[in-house]
Amino acid sequence: METGFEYGTSSSSLTSSIVSSNVSTTAESFSETLSNLAPGTTYYYRAYAKAQGTGDKSSTVSTFYGSTKSFTTQSLSTWLTNYEMPATKASAVSMSSTKYAGRYCHDTFTETYGSTKACRYNTSDSNQKIVTHTYEYNGKVLRNYSFLYDKTYKTALWVAYATSNSGDFKDNNVGRNDAWAYDPALDQSWQQNLSGAYSSSGLSYDRGHQVAVSLRRSTCDTQ
């Protein structure tokens, strides 16, 4: 006897199948684990069992089907999984962690400008943190940009951001915002001094934007 499941993204087209490996000829139930499924997608499935005939019908195979059921895979956070993001070293975020705007973060911090929060993620390196800054536009909390920050070098190792996202970064001709401030999601001891010559421990830095101003002219909060 062969048992398994047929499944697919349409209830009328179960084009994929998996044969159960944990069933005997006397089992009343069986299960299987599926992998490589798309996030945020509804899948339909049904169980089947194939029985071989006996006697003069030994060459006949009869297939029996269960009722069609469905499940929906969990949607993934777009803040750390967008395709433009470099590989991260973010530590796992559990459901017991802080939740903000439908995403789980290790910590959240009120943005310096605007009414949203920045999400911070721990990494395997205690001297590095990933930060995602957000802003609100058209009633939605959106990811502005993310970066991997290094305490030793007092700078971001990479910065990732979307250049366009269904009008979320519409050019409203907002002028340049030079209101420099410490990043609220990082301890000030991790950051360069914003006054004086912008130098520390013999290293000099030019002050600049993490994201090009020309790509963030929808609102001052994005700069």
C-alpha atoms as a PDB file:
ATOM      1  CA  MET A   1       0.000   0.000   0.000  1.00  0.00           C
ATOM      2  CA  GLU A   2       1.217   3.482  -0.876  1.00  0.00           C
ATOM      3  CA  THR A   3      -0.013   6.545   0.986  1.00  0.00           C
ATOM      4  CA  GLY A   4       0.770  10.223   0.639  1.00  0.00           C
ATOM      5  CA  PHE A   5      -0.552  13.653  -0.171  1.00  0.00           C
ATOM      6  CA  GLU A   6      -1.299  15.621  -3.302  1.00  0.00           C
ATOM      7  CA  TYR A   7      -1.081  19.409  -2.957  1.00  0.00           C
ATOM      8  CA  GLY A   8      -0.975  22.673  -4.860  1.00  0.00           C
ATOM      9  CA  THR A   9      -2.001  26.326  -4.760  1.00  0.00           C
ATOM     10  CA  SER A  10      -5.349  25.619  -6.444  1.00  0.00           C
ATOM     11  CA  SER A  11      -8.006  23.282  -5.071  1.00  0.00           C
ATOM     12  CA  SER A  12      -8.716  22.090  -8.601  1.00  0.00           C
ATOM     13  CA  SER A  13      -5.077  21.464  -9.510  1.00  0.00           C
ATOM     14  CA  LEU A  14      -3.139  19.450  -6.919  1.00  0.00           C
ATOM     15  CA  THR A  15      -0.097  19.012  -9.125  1.00  0.00           C
ATOM     16  CA  SER A  16       2.527  18.156  -6.487  1.00  0.00           C
ATOM     17  CA  SER A  17       2.686  15.043  -4.363  1.00  0.00           C
ATOM     18  CA  ILE A  18       4.680  13.514  -1.538  1.00  0.00           C
ATOM     19  CA  VAL A  19       4.723   9.820  -0.629  1.00  0.00           C
ATOM     20  CA  SER A  20       4.409   9.096   3.066  1.00  0.00           C
ATOM     21  CA  SER A  21       7.397   7.280   4.522  1.00  0.00           C
ATOM     22  CA  ASN A  22       6.034   6.674   8.013  1.00  0.00           C
ATOM     23  CA  VAL A  23       3.146   4.309   7.406  1.00  0.00           C
ATOM     24  CA  SER A  24       2.675   0.546   7.493  1.00  0.00           C
ATOM     25  CA  THR A  25       0.020  -1.561   5.807  1.00  0.00           C
ATOM     26  CA  THR A  26      -2.000  -1.560   9.039  1.00  0.00           C
ATOM     27  CA  ALA A  27      -1.681   2.135   9.902  1.00  0.00           C
ATOM     28  CA  GLU A  28      -4.867   4.171  10.325  1.00  0.00           C
ATOM     29  CA  SER A  29      -3.167   7.560  10.027  1.00  0.00           C
ATOM     30  CA  PHE A  30      -0.054   9.057   8.469  1.00  0.00           C
ATOM     31  CA  SER A  31       1.613  12.450   8.123  1.00  0.00           C
ATOM     32  CA  GLU A  32       4.355  14.225   6.214  1.00  0.00           C
ATOM     33  CA  THR A  33       6.269  17.508   6.476  1.00  0.00           C
ATOM     34  CA  LEU A  34       6.432  19.790   3.438  1.00  0.00           C
ATOM     35  CA  SER A  35       9.347  22.144   2.776  1.00  0.00           C
ATOM     36  CA  ASN A  36      10.287  24.925   0.356  1.00  0.00           C
ATOM     37  CA  LEU A  37       6.772  26.390   0.404  1.00  0.00           C
ATOM     38  CA  ALA A  38       6.150  30.009  -0.526  1.00  0.00           C
ATOM     39  CA  PRO A  39       5.417  32.394   2.383  1.00  0.00           C
ATOM     40  CA  GLY A  40       1.953  33.911   2.772  1.00  0.00           C
ATOM     41  CA  THR A  41       0.412  31.382   0.369  1.00  0.00           C
ATOM     42  CA  THR A  42      -2.688  29.180   0.682  1.00  0.00           C
ATOM     43  CA  TYR A  43      -2.081  25.540  -0.215  1.00  0.00           C
ATOM     44  CA  TYR A  44      -4.713  22.866  -0.820  1.00  0.00           C
ATOM     45  CA  TYR A  45      -4.092  19.181  -0.161  1.00  0.00           C
ATOM     46  CA  ARG A  46      -5.734  15.791   0.125  1.00  0.00           C
ATOM     47  CA  ALA A  47      -4.539  12.440   1.392  1.00  0.00           C
ATOM     48  CA  TYR A  48      -4.535   9.376  -0.816  1.00  0.00           C
ATOM     49  CA  ALA A  49      -3.997   5.643  -0.437  1.00  0.00           C
ATOM     50  CA  LYS A  50      -3.255   3.201  -3.237  1.00  0.00           C
ATOM     51  CA  ALA A  51      -4.228  -0.414  -2.701  1.00  0.00           C
ATOM     52  CA  GLN A  52      -3.106  -3.347  -4.841  1.00  0.00           C
ATOM     53  CA  GLY A  53      -5.744  -5.868  -5.834  1.00  0.00           C
ATOM     54  CA  THR A  54      -5.501  -9.542  -4.875  1.00  0.00           C
ATOM     55  CA  GLY A  55      -6.143 -12.763  -6.711  1.00  0.00           C
ATOM     56  CA  ASP A  56      -7.224 -12.313 -10.305  1.00  0.00           C
ATOM     57  CA  LYS A  57      -7.183  -8.512  -9.713  1.00  0.00           C
ATOM     58  CA  SER A  58      -3.561  -8.382  -8.501  1.00  0.00           C
ATOM     59  CA  SER A  59      -2.597  -6.145 -11.413  1.00  0.00           C
ATOM     60  CA  THR A  60      -5.236  -3.585 -10.488  1.00  0.00           C
ATOM     61  CA  VAL A  61      -4.373  -0.575  -8.283  1.00  0.00           C
ATOM     62  CA  SER A  62      -7.229   1.359  -6.687  1.00  0.00           C
ATOM     63  CA  THR A  63      -6.680   4.890  -5.375  1.00  0.00           C
ATOM     64  CA  PHE A  64      -8.759   6.328  -2.537  1.00  0.00           C
ATOM     65  CA  TYR A  65      -8.802  10.060  -1.688  1.00  0.00           C
ATOM     66  CA  GLY A  66      -9.613  12.038   1.429  1.00  0.00           C
ATOM     67  CA  SER A  67     -11.412  15.366   1.366  1.00  0.00           C
ATOM     68  CA  THR A  68      -9.544  18.470   0.149  1.00  0.00           C
ATOM     69  CA  LYS A  69      -8.317  20.742   2.933  1.00  0.00           C
ATOM     70  CA  SER A  70      -6.153  23.847   3.037  1.00  0.00           C
ATOM     71  CA  PHE A  71      -3.591  25.768   5.096  1.00  0.00           C
ATOM     72  CA  THR A  72      -1.829  29.118   4.691  1.00  0.00           C
ATOM     73  CA  THR A  73       1.896  29.551   5.258  1.00  0.00           C
ATOM     74  CA  GLN A  74       3.095  32.350   7.504  1.00  0.00           C
ATOM     75  CA  SER A  75       4.001  35.635   5.875  1.00  0.00           C
ATOM     76  CA  LEU A  76       7.631  36.653   6.332  1.00  0.00           C
ATOM     77  CA  SER A  77       8.803  40.023   7.518  1.00  0.00           C
ATOM     78  CA  THR A  78       9.841  42.175   4.588  1.00  0.00           C
ATOM     79  CA  TRP A  79      12.187  44.198   6.759  1.00  0.00           C
ATOM     80  CA  LEU A  80      14.910  41.555   6.793  1.00  0.00           C
ATOM     81  CA  THR A  81      14.043  39.455   3.786  1.00  0.00           C
ATOM     82  CA  ASN A  82      13.795  41.860   0.859  1.00  0.00           C
ATOM     83  CA  TYR A  83      15.923  40.692  -2.053  1.00  0.00           C
ATOM     84  CA  GLU A  84      18.152  43.765  -1.910  1.00  0.00           C
ATOM     85  CA  MET A  85      19.235  42.849   1.615  1.00  0.00           C
ATOM     86  CA  PRO A  86      22.744  41.363   1.935  1.00  0.00           C
ATOM     87  CA  ALA A  87      23.056  38.177   3.965  1.00  0.00           C
ATOM     88  CA  THR A  88      22.527  39.069   7.613  1.00  0.00           C
ATOM     89  CA  LYS A  89      23.793  37.621  10.829  1.00  0.00           C
ATOM     90  CA  ALA A  90      20.610  38.399  12.698  1.00  0.00           C
ATOM     91  CA  SER A  91      19.915  36.158  15.666  1.00  0.00           C
ATOM     92  CA  ALA A  92      16.639  34.271  15.664  1.00  0.00           C
ATOM     93  CA  VAL A  93      13.633  36.311  16.741  1.00  0.00           C
ATOM     94  CA  SER A  94      11.071  34.335  18.737  1.00  0.00           C
ATOM     95  CA  MET A  95       7.383  35.005  19.183  1.00  0.00           C
ATOM     96  CA  SER A  96       8.160  36.085  22.749  1.00  0.00           C
ATOM     97  CA  SER A  97      10.199  39.008  21.426  1.00  0.00           C
ATOM     98  CA  THR A  98       8.896  42.541  20.986  1.00  0.00           C
ATOM     99  CA  LYS A  99       6.327  42.845  18.211  1.00  0.00           C
ATOM    100  CA  TYR A 100       5.875  46.015  16.206  1.00  0.00           C
ATOM    101  CA  ALA A 101       3.819  46.595  13.041  1.00  0.00           C
ATOM    102  CA  GLY A 102       3.362  42.860  12.605  1.00  0.00           C
ATOM    103  CA  ARG A 103       7.077  42.042  12.892  1.00  0.00           C
ATOM    104  CA  TYR A 104       9.092  40.669  15.770  1.00  0.00           C
ATOM    105  CA  CYS A 105      12.204  42.579  16.874  1.00  0.00           C
ATOM    106  CA  HIS A 106      14.665  42.118  19.698  1.00  0.00           C
ATOM    107  CA  ASP A 107      14.150  45.757  20.765  1.00  0.00           C
ATOM    108  CA  THR A 108      12.185  48.799  19.585  1.00  0.00           C
ATOM    109  CA  PHE A 109      12.994  52.493  19.939  1.00  0.00           C
ATOM    110  CA  THR A 110      10.956  55.614  19.235  1.00  0.00           C
ATOM    111  CA  GLU A 111      12.174  57.308  16.071  1.00  0.00           C
ATOM    112  CA  THR A 112      13.809  60.719  16.469  1.00  0.00           C
ATOM    113  CA  TYR A 113      11.390  62.116  13.891  1.00  0.00           C
ATOM    114  CA  GLY A 114       7.861  60.899  13.267  1.00  0.00           C
ATOM    115  CA  SER A 115       5.678  58.658  15.424  1.00  0.00           C
ATOM    116  CA  THR A 116       6.940  55.204  14.421  1.00  0.00           C
ATOM    117  CA  LYS A 117       9.568  52.946  15.985  1.00  0.00           C
ATOM    118  CA  ALA A 118      12.940  51.597  14.935  1.00  0.00           C
ATOM    119  CA  CYS A 119      13.514  47.866  15.295  1.00  0.00           C
ATOM    120  CA  ARG A 120      16.864  46.497  16.435  1.00  0.00           C
ATOM    121  CA  TYR A 121      18.108  42.946  15.944  1.00  0.00           C
ATOM    122  CA  ASN A 122      20.960  41.223  17.734  1.00  0.00           C
ATOM    123  CA  THR A 123      23.595  39.347  15.759  1.00  0.00           C
ATOM    124  CA  SER A 124      26.141  36.644  16.533  1.00  0.00           C
ATOM    125  CA  ASP A 125      28.688  39.450  17.066  1.00  0.00           C
ATOM    126  CA  SER A 126      28.125  41.492  20.235  1.00  0.00           C
ATOM    127  CA  ASN A 127      29.751  44.493  18.515  1.00  0.00           C
ATOM    128  CA  GLN A 128      27.267  44.494  15.642  1.00  0.00           C
ATOM    129  CA  LYS A 129      23.544  45.275  15.498  1.00  0.00           C
ATOM    130  CA  ILE A 130      21.038  45.385  12.670  1.00  0.00           C
ATOM    131  CA  VAL A 131      18.635  48.330  12.762  1.00  0.00           C
ATOM    132  CA  THR A 132      15.533  48.890  10.668  1.00  0.00           C
ATOM    133  CA  HIS A 133      14.132  52.424  10.618  1.00  0.00           C
ATOM    134  CA  THR A 134      10.475  52.951   9.761  1.00  0.00           C
ATOM    135  CA  TYR A 135       8.149  55.798   8.920  1.00  0.00           C
ATOM    136  CA  GLU A 136       4.425  56.247   8.336  1.00  0.00           C
ATOM    137  CA  TYR A 137       3.001  57.117   4.935  1.00  0.00           C
ATOM    138  CA  ASN A 138      -0.576  56.860   3.679  1.00  0.00           C
ATOM    139  CA  GLY A 139      -1.602  55.252   6.967  1.00  0.00           C
ATOM    140  CA  LYS A 140       0.975  52.442   6.758  1.00  0.00           C
ATOM    141  CA  VAL A 141       4.149  51.783   8.756  1.00  0.00           C
ATOM    142  CA  LEU A 142       6.893  51.176   6.185  1.00  0.00           C
ATOM    143  CA  ARG A 143      10.540  50.206   6.268  1.00  0.00           C
ATOM    144  CA  ASN A 144      12.658  53.241   5.465  1.00  0.00           C
ATOM    145  CA  TYR A 145      16.064  51.530   5.459  1.00  0.00           C
ATOM    146  CA  SER A 146      18.075  48.894   7.329  1.00  0.00           C
ATOM    147  CA  PHE A 147      21.760  48.663   8.154  1.00  0.00           C
ATOM    148  CA  LEU A 148      24.337  46.532   9.925  1.00  0.00           C
ATOM    149  CA  TYR A 149      26.234  48.732  12.374  1.00  0.00           C
ATOM    150  CA  ASP A 150      29.665  47.974  13.811  1.00  0.00           C
ATOM    151  CA  LYS A 151      30.611  49.376  17.217  1.00  0.00           C
ATOM    152  CA  THR A 152      34.358  49.008  16.614  1.00  0.00           C
ATOM    153  CA  TYR A 153      34.417  51.109  13.444  1.00  0.00           C
ATOM    154  CA  LYS A 154      31.506  53.335  14.499  1.00  0.00           C
ATOM    155  CA  THR A 155      29.873  53.063  11.121  1.00  0.00           C
ATOM    156  CA  ALA A 156      27.422  50.984   9.094  1.00  0.00           C
ATOM    157  CA  LEU A 157      28.994  48.065   7.221  1.00  0.00           C
ATOM    158  CA  TRP A 158      26.096  48.055   4.768  1.00  0.00           C
ATOM    159  CA  VAL A 159      22.842  49.906   4.246  1.00  0.00           C
ATOM    160  CA  ALA A 160      19.868  48.448   2.350  1.00  0.00           C
ATOM    161  CA  TYR A 161      16.768  50.266   1.158  1.00  0.00           C
ATOM    162  CA  ALA A 162      14.095  50.176  -1.518  1.00  0.00           C
ATOM    163  CA  THR A 163      14.313  52.816  -4.223  1.00  0.00           C
ATOM    164  CA  SER A 164      10.571  52.507  -4.968  1.00  0.00           C
ATOM    165  CA  ASN A 165       7.705  50.535  -3.506  1.00  0.00           C
ATOM    166  CA  SER A 166       4.269  51.064  -5.061  1.00  0.00           C
ATOM    167  CA  GLY A 167       4.320  54.793  -4.412  1.00  0.00           C
ATOM    168  CA  ASP A 168       5.525  54.512  -0.806  1.00  0.00           C
ATOM    169  CA  PHE A 169       8.488  56.738  -1.695  1.00  0.00           C
ATOM    170  CA  LYS A 170       6.678  59.132  -3.980  1.00  0.00           C
ATOM    171  CA  ASP A 171       8.672  62.261  -4.774  1.00  0.00           C
ATOM    172  CA  ASN A 172       6.748  65.058  -3.017  1.00  0.00           C
ATOM    173  CA  ASN A 173       9.649  67.467  -3.561  1.00  0.00           C
ATOM    174  CA  VAL A 174      10.390  67.666   0.171  1.00  0.00           C
ATOM    175  CA  GLY A 175      13.561  69.674   0.656  1.00  0.00           C
ATOM    176  CA  ARG A 176      16.775  68.447   2.227  1.00  0.00           C
ATOM    177  CA  ASN A 177      16.620  67.902   5.984  1.00  0.00           C
ATOM    178  CA  ASP A 178      19.868  68.664   7.786  1.00  0.00           C
ATOM    179  CA  ALA A 179      18.520  67.935  11.286  1.00  0.00           C
ATOM    180  CA  TRP A 180      21.371  65.628  12.292  1.00  0.00           C
ATOM    181  CA  ALA A 181      20.800  63.472  15.366  1.00  0.00           C
ATOM    182  CA  TYR A 182      22.121  60.367  17.063  1.00  0.00           C
ATOM    183  CA  ASP A 183      20.466  57.146  16.021  1.00  0.00           C
ATOM    184  CA  PRO A 184      17.953  56.326  18.794  1.00  0.00           C
ATOM    185  CA  ALA A 185      18.396  52.568  18.273  1.00  0.00           C
ATOM    186  CA  LEU A 186      22.116  52.615  19.107  1.00  0.00           C
ATOM    187  CA  ASP A 187      23.931  53.651  22.269  1.00  0.00           C
ATOM    188  CA  GLN A 188      25.644  56.997  21.758  1.00  0.00           C
ATOM    189  CA  SER A 189      28.934  55.387  22.792  1.00  0.00           C
ATOM    190  CA  TRP A 190      28.698  53.321  19.614  1.00  0.00           C
ATOM    191  CA  GLN A 191      28.361  56.406  17.412  1.00  0.00           C
ATOM    192  CA  GLN A 192      30.601  59.168  16.193  1.00  0.00           C
ATOM    193  CA  ASN A 193      30.470  62.490  18.047  1.00  0.00           C
ATOM    194  CA  LEU A 194      28.105  64.750  16.122  1.00  0.00           C
ATOM    195  CA  SER A 195      29.899  67.931  17.209  1.00  0.00           C
ATOM    196  CA  GLY A 196      33.392  69.297  16.648  1.00  0.00           C
ATOM    197  CA  ALA A 197      35.628  67.671  14.051  1.00  0.00           C
ATOM    198  CA  TYR A 198      33.749  64.374  13.966  1.00  0.00           C
ATOM    199  CA  SER A 199      36.823  62.441  14.984  1.00  0.00           C
ATOM    200  CA  SER A 200      37.432  59.782  17.587  1.00  0.00           C
ATOM    201  CA  SER A 201      40.447  57.622  18.436  1.00  0.00           C
ATOM    202  CA  GLY A 202      42.423  59.156  15.589  1.00  0.00           C
ATOM    203  CA  LEU A 203      39.750  58.353  12.980  1.00  0.00           C
ATOM    204  CA  SER A 204      37.990  61.142  11.091  1.00  0.00           C
ATOM    205  CA  TYR A 205      34.603  60.819   9.475  1.00  0.00           C
ATOM    206  CA  ASP A 206      32.558  62.946   7.109  1.00  0.00           C
ATOM    207  CA  ARG A 207      28.950  63.248   8.187  1.00  0.00           C
ATOM    208  CA  GLY A 208      26.525  61.930   5.564  1.00  0.00           C
ATOM    209  CA  HIS A 209      23.187  60.301   4.880  1.00  0.00           C
ATOM    210  CA  GLN A 210      22.609  56.555   5.082  1.00  0.00           C
ATOM    211  CA  VAL A 211      20.215  56.882   2.125  1.00  0.00           C
ATOM    212  CA  ALA A 212      20.516  59.344  -0.754  1.00  0.00           C
ATOM    213  CA  VAL A 213      18.308  62.349  -0.025  1.00  0.00           C
ATOM    214  CA  SER A 214      17.068  62.353  -3.612  1.00  0.00           C
ATOM    215  CA  LEU A 215      15.420  58.955  -2.951  1.00  0.00           C
ATOM    216  CA  ARG A 216      13.612  60.099   0.200  1.00  0.00           C
ATOM    217  CA  ARG A 217      11.672  63.229  -0.728  1.00  0.00           C
ATOM    218  CA  SER A 218       8.210  61.957   0.221  1.00  0.00           C
ATOM    219  CA  THR A 219       8.389  63.270   3.793  1.00  0.00           C
ATOM    220  CA  CYS A 220      10.996  64.786   6.119  1.00  0.00           C
ATOM    221  CA  ASP A 221      10.643  61.764   8.423  1.00  0.00           C
ATOM    222  CA  THR A 222      12.385  59.557   5.838  1.00  0.00           C
ATOM    223  CA  GLN A 223      15.569  61.633   5.919  1.00  0.00           C
END
